[in-house]
Amino acid sequence: MKFQLDRLPVSLFASVMGLMGVALLSLLIEKHFSIAWRISFLWAILGITVFILITNLYLFKVVLYFKAVKEEFFYPVGISFFATITSAQC
């Protein structure tokens, strides 16, 4: 099966926000119940790793398939997902 980099959606950055949200939730649970498991740290590491992976893949897409990125940017529905890139960094 061939990986199609030109079809990589920018909306994948929203998954990073979800992973980091789970990390924050697990941190609150750990603090509330005084649990020293540090599962929140593992969720945060997973979120950071996924962010780095998606960022690198999307940078390759920008370099190799700039026309596809430009079309995705000017698509009325897809343009709203470009904000998730900056939101995922917070």
N, C-alpha and C. Protein backbone atom coordinates (compact mmCIF):
# COMPACT_ATOMS: atom_id res chain seq x y z
N MET A 1 0.84 -1.18 0.00
CA MET A 1 0.00 0.00 0.00
C MET A 1 0.89 1.24 0.00
N LYS A 2 0.63 2.12 -0.92
CA LYS A 2 1.44 3.32 -1.09
C LYS A 2 0.92 4.44 -0.19
N PHE A 3 1.85 5.08 0.52
CA PHE A 3 1.48 6.21 1.38
C PHE A 3 1.34 7.45 0.49
N GLN A 4 0.20 8.08 0.56
CA GLN A 4 -0.08 9.24 -0.28
C GLN A 4 0.07 10.51 0.55
N LEU A 5 1.24 11.09 0.48
CA LEU A 5 1.55 12.27 1.27
C LEU A 5 0.73 13.48 0.84
N ASP A 6 0.36 13.54 -0.43
CA ASP A 6 -0.41 14.68 -0.91
C ASP A 6 -1.83 14.70 -0.36
N ARG A 7 -2.29 13.61 0.23
CA ARG A 7 -3.63 13.55 0.81
C ARG A 7 -3.62 13.66 2.34
N LEU A 8 -2.48 13.99 2.92
CA LEU A 8 -2.37 14.15 4.36
C LEU A 8 -3.15 15.40 4.79
N PRO A 9 -4.19 15.25 5.60
CA PRO A 9 -5.00 16.42 5.95
C PRO A 9 -4.39 17.23 7.09
N VAL A 10 -4.59 18.53 7.03
CA VAL A 10 -4.10 19.40 8.09
C VAL A 10 -4.90 19.18 9.37
N SER A 11 -6.06 18.60 9.26
CA SER A 11 -6.91 18.37 10.44
C SER A 11 -6.32 17.33 11.39
N LEU A 12 -5.25 16.65 11.01
CA LEU A 12 -4.59 15.72 11.92
C LEU A 12 -4.01 16.41 13.14
N PHE A 13 -3.74 17.71 13.03
CA PHE A 13 -3.23 18.46 14.18
C PHE A 13 -4.26 18.52 15.30
N ALA A 14 -5.52 18.35 14.97
CA ALA A 14 -6.56 18.32 16.01
C ALA A 14 -6.40 17.10 16.91
N SER A 15 -5.83 16.02 16.40
CA SER A 15 -5.61 14.84 17.23
C SER A 15 -4.59 15.12 18.33
N VAL A 16 -3.64 16.01 18.04
CA VAL A 16 -2.66 16.40 19.06
C VAL A 16 -3.35 17.14 20.20
N MET A 17 -4.30 18.00 19.84
CA MET A 17 -5.05 18.71 20.89
C MET A 17 -5.82 17.71 21.75
N GLY A 18 -6.36 16.68 21.14
CA GLY A 18 -7.08 15.65 21.89
C GLY A 18 -6.16 14.89 22.83
N LEU A 19 -4.98 14.52 22.35
CA LEU A 19 -4.03 13.79 23.19
C LEU A 19 -3.55 14.65 24.35
N MET A 20 -3.30 15.92 24.09
CA MET A 20 -2.85 16.79 25.17
C MET A 20 -3.99 17.08 26.15
N GLY A 21 -5.21 17.08 25.66
CA GLY A 21 -6.36 17.22 26.56
C GLY A 21 -6.48 16.03 27.50
N VAL A 22 -6.22 14.83 26.97
CA VAL A 22 -6.23 13.64 27.82
C VAL A 22 -5.10 13.71 28.85
N ALA A 23 -3.96 14.25 28.44
CA ALA A 23 -2.84 14.41 29.38
C ALA A 23 -3.21 15.36 30.51
N LEU A 24 -3.86 16.47 30.16
CA LEU A 24 -4.27 17.41 31.20
C LEU A 24 -5.33 16.81 32.12
N LEU A 25 -6.26 16.08 31.54
CA LEU A 25 -7.29 15.44 32.36
C LEU A 25 -6.69 14.41 33.31
N SER A 26 -5.77 13.60 32.81
CA SER A 26 -5.15 12.61 33.68
C SER A 26 -4.29 13.28 34.77
N LEU A 27 -3.70 14.43 34.45
CA LEU A 27 -2.95 15.17 35.47
C LEU A 27 -3.88 15.65 36.58
N LEU A 28 -5.05 16.16 36.20
CA LEU A 28 -6.02 16.60 37.20
C LEU A 28 -6.52 15.43 38.05
N ILE A 29 -6.73 14.29 37.43
CA ILE A 29 -7.17 13.11 38.18
C ILE A 29 -6.08 12.66 39.14
N GLU A 30 -4.82 12.68 38.68
CA GLU A 30 -3.72 12.29 39.56
C GLU A 30 -3.61 13.22 40.76
N LYS A 31 -3.78 14.52 40.53
CA LYS A 31 -3.69 15.47 41.65
C LYS A 31 -4.89 15.34 42.58
N HIS A 32 -6.08 15.16 42.02
CA HIS A 32 -7.29 15.10 42.84
C HIS A 32 -7.30 13.86 43.75
N PHE A 33 -6.88 12.74 43.20
CA PHE A 33 -6.91 11.50 43.97
C PHE A 33 -5.54 11.15 44.58
N SER A 34 -4.58 12.06 44.50
CA SER A 34 -3.23 11.86 45.04
C SER A 34 -2.59 10.56 44.54
N ILE A 35 -2.64 10.38 43.26
CA ILE A 35 -2.07 9.19 42.63
C ILE A 35 -0.71 9.58 42.04
N ALA A 36 0.28 8.74 42.26
CA ALA A 36 1.63 9.03 41.78
C ALA A 36 1.99 8.17 40.57
N TRP A 37 1.04 7.89 39.72
CA TRP A 37 1.31 7.02 38.58
C TRP A 37 2.05 7.74 37.45
N ARG A 38 1.81 9.01 37.30
CA ARG A 38 2.41 9.83 36.24
C ARG A 38 2.02 9.36 34.84
N ILE A 39 0.81 8.89 34.69
CA ILE A 39 0.31 8.51 33.37
C ILE A 39 0.16 9.76 32.51
N SER A 40 -0.11 10.89 33.14
CA SER A 40 -0.24 12.14 32.38
C SER A 40 1.06 12.47 31.64
N PHE A 41 2.18 12.14 32.23
CA PHE A 41 3.47 12.37 31.59
C PHE A 41 3.58 11.53 30.32
N LEU A 42 3.13 10.29 30.39
CA LEU A 42 3.17 9.41 29.21
C LEU A 42 2.25 9.93 28.10
N TRP A 43 1.06 10.42 28.49
CA TRP A 43 0.15 11.00 27.49
C TRP A 43 0.78 12.24 26.85
N ALA A 44 1.44 13.05 27.66
CA ALA A 44 2.08 14.26 27.13
C ALA A 44 3.22 13.90 26.17
N ILE A 45 4.01 12.91 26.52
CA ILE A 45 5.09 12.46 25.64
C ILE A 45 4.52 11.93 24.33
N LEU A 46 3.43 11.17 24.42
CA LEU A 46 2.78 10.66 23.20
C LEU A 46 2.27 11.82 22.35
N GLY A 47 1.65 12.83 22.98
CA GLY A 47 1.15 13.98 22.24
C GLY A 47 2.27 14.76 21.56
N ILE A 48 3.37 14.94 22.25
CA ILE A 48 4.52 15.66 21.68
C ILE A 48 5.11 14.86 20.51
N THR A 49 5.21 13.55 20.68
CA THR A 49 5.75 12.71 19.62
C THR A 49 4.86 12.75 18.37
N VAL A 50 3.56 12.66 18.58
CA VAL A 50 2.62 12.73 17.44
C VAL A 50 2.70 14.10 16.78
N PHE A 51 2.83 15.16 17.58
CA PHE A 51 2.95 16.50 17.01
C PHE A 51 4.20 16.62 16.14
N ILE A 52 5.32 16.13 16.62
CA ILE A 52 6.56 16.19 15.84
C ILE A 52 6.43 15.37 14.57
N LEU A 53 5.83 14.20 14.66
CA LEU A 53 5.65 13.35 13.48
C LEU A 53 4.75 14.02 12.44
N ILE A 54 3.61 14.54 12.87
CA ILE A 54 2.69 15.18 11.94
C ILE A 54 3.30 16.45 11.35
N THR A 55 4.03 17.21 12.17
CA THR A 55 4.67 18.43 11.68
C THR A 55 5.69 18.10 10.59
N ASN A 56 6.51 17.08 10.82
CA ASN A 56 7.50 16.70 9.81
C ASN A 56 6.83 16.22 8.53
N LEU A 57 5.81 15.39 8.67
CA LEU A 57 5.10 14.92 7.48
C LEU A 57 4.46 16.07 6.71
N TYR A 58 3.87 17.01 7.44
CA TYR A 58 3.22 18.13 6.76
C TYR A 58 4.25 19.07 6.12
N LEU A 59 5.42 19.22 6.74
CA LEU A 59 6.48 20.01 6.11
C LEU A 59 6.95 19.36 4.81
N PHE A 60 7.05 18.02 4.81
CA PHE A 60 7.38 17.31 3.57
C PHE A 60 6.30 17.54 2.52
N LYS A 61 5.06 17.56 2.96
CA LYS A 61 3.96 17.81 2.03
C LYS A 61 4.06 19.21 1.45
N VAL A 62 4.41 20.19 2.28
CA VAL A 62 4.55 21.57 1.79
C VAL A 62 5.66 21.65 0.74
N VAL A 63 6.77 20.97 1.01
CA VAL A 63 7.89 21.01 0.08
C VAL A 63 7.59 20.26 -1.21
N LEU A 64 7.02 19.07 -1.10
CA LEU A 64 6.82 18.22 -2.27
C LEU A 64 5.51 18.50 -3.02
N TYR A 65 4.47 18.88 -2.30
CA TYR A 65 3.14 19.06 -2.91
C TYR A 65 2.56 20.42 -2.50
N PHE A 66 3.26 21.48 -2.82
CA PHE A 66 2.81 22.81 -2.42
C PHE A 66 1.44 23.15 -3.01
N LYS A 67 1.20 22.69 -4.22
CA LYS A 67 -0.09 22.96 -4.86
C LYS A 67 -1.24 22.34 -4.07
N ALA A 68 -1.05 21.14 -3.54
CA ALA A 68 -2.09 20.49 -2.73
C ALA A 68 -2.32 21.25 -1.43
N VAL A 69 -1.26 21.77 -0.82
CA VAL A 69 -1.40 22.56 0.41
C VAL A 69 -2.14 23.85 0.12
N LYS A 70 -1.82 24.47 -1.00
CA LYS A 70 -2.48 25.72 -1.39
C LYS A 70 -3.97 25.49 -1.64
N GLU A 71 -4.31 24.38 -2.31
CA GLU A 71 -5.72 24.06 -2.55
C GLU A 71 -6.44 23.78 -1.24
N GLU A 72 -5.77 23.09 -0.31
CA GLU A 72 -6.37 22.81 0.98
C GLU A 72 -6.58 24.10 1.79
N PHE A 73 -5.65 25.04 1.65
CA PHE A 73 -5.76 26.31 2.36
C PHE A 73 -6.95 27.14 1.86
N PHE A 74 -7.21 27.09 0.58
CA PHE A 74 -8.30 27.88 0.01
C PHE A 74 -9.63 27.15 -0.01
N TYR A 75 -9.67 25.92 0.47
CA TYR A 75 -10.93 25.19 0.58
C TYR A 75 -11.70 25.75 1.78
N PRO A 76 -12.98 26.14 1.59
CA PRO A 76 -13.72 26.83 2.67
C PRO A 76 -13.81 26.05 3.98
N VAL A 77 -13.92 24.75 3.91
CA VAL A 77 -14.03 23.95 5.14
C VAL A 77 -12.64 23.67 5.71
N GLY A 78 -11.70 23.38 4.87
CA GLY A 78 -10.37 22.99 5.33
C GLY A 78 -9.56 24.12 5.92
N ILE A 79 -9.85 25.35 5.54
CA ILE A 79 -9.06 26.47 6.03
C ILE A 79 -9.18 26.63 7.55
N SER A 80 -10.31 26.24 8.10
CA SER A 80 -10.48 26.39 9.55
C SER A 80 -9.57 25.47 10.34
N PHE A 81 -9.09 24.41 9.73
CA PHE A 81 -8.21 23.48 10.44
C PHE A 81 -6.76 23.96 10.49
N PHE A 82 -6.40 24.97 9.71
CA PHE A 82 -5.04 25.48 9.78
C PHE A 82 -4.76 26.13 11.13
N ALA A 83 -5.80 26.59 11.81
CA ALA A 83 -5.61 27.16 13.15
C ALA A 83 -5.24 26.09 14.16
N THR A 84 -5.56 24.84 13.89
CA THR A 84 -5.21 23.78 14.84
C THR A 84 -3.70 23.56 14.94
N ILE A 85 -2.96 24.00 13.93
CA ILE A 85 -1.50 23.86 13.99
C ILE A 85 -0.96 24.70 15.14
N THR A 86 -1.40 25.94 15.22
CA THR A 86 -0.90 26.80 16.31
C THR A 86 -1.51 26.42 17.65
N SER A 87 -2.74 25.93 17.65
CA SER A 87 -3.37 25.53 18.90
C SER A 87 -2.71 24.28 19.47
N ALA A 88 -2.23 23.41 18.61
CA ALA A 88 -1.60 22.17 19.06
C ALA A 88 -0.25 22.43 19.72
N GLN A 89 0.36 23.59 19.47
CA GLN A 89 1.66 23.90 20.04
C GLN A 89 1.55 24.37 21.48
N CYS A 90 0.41 24.82 21.91
CA CYS A 90 0.27 25.39 23.26
C CYS A 90 0.33 24.39 24.36
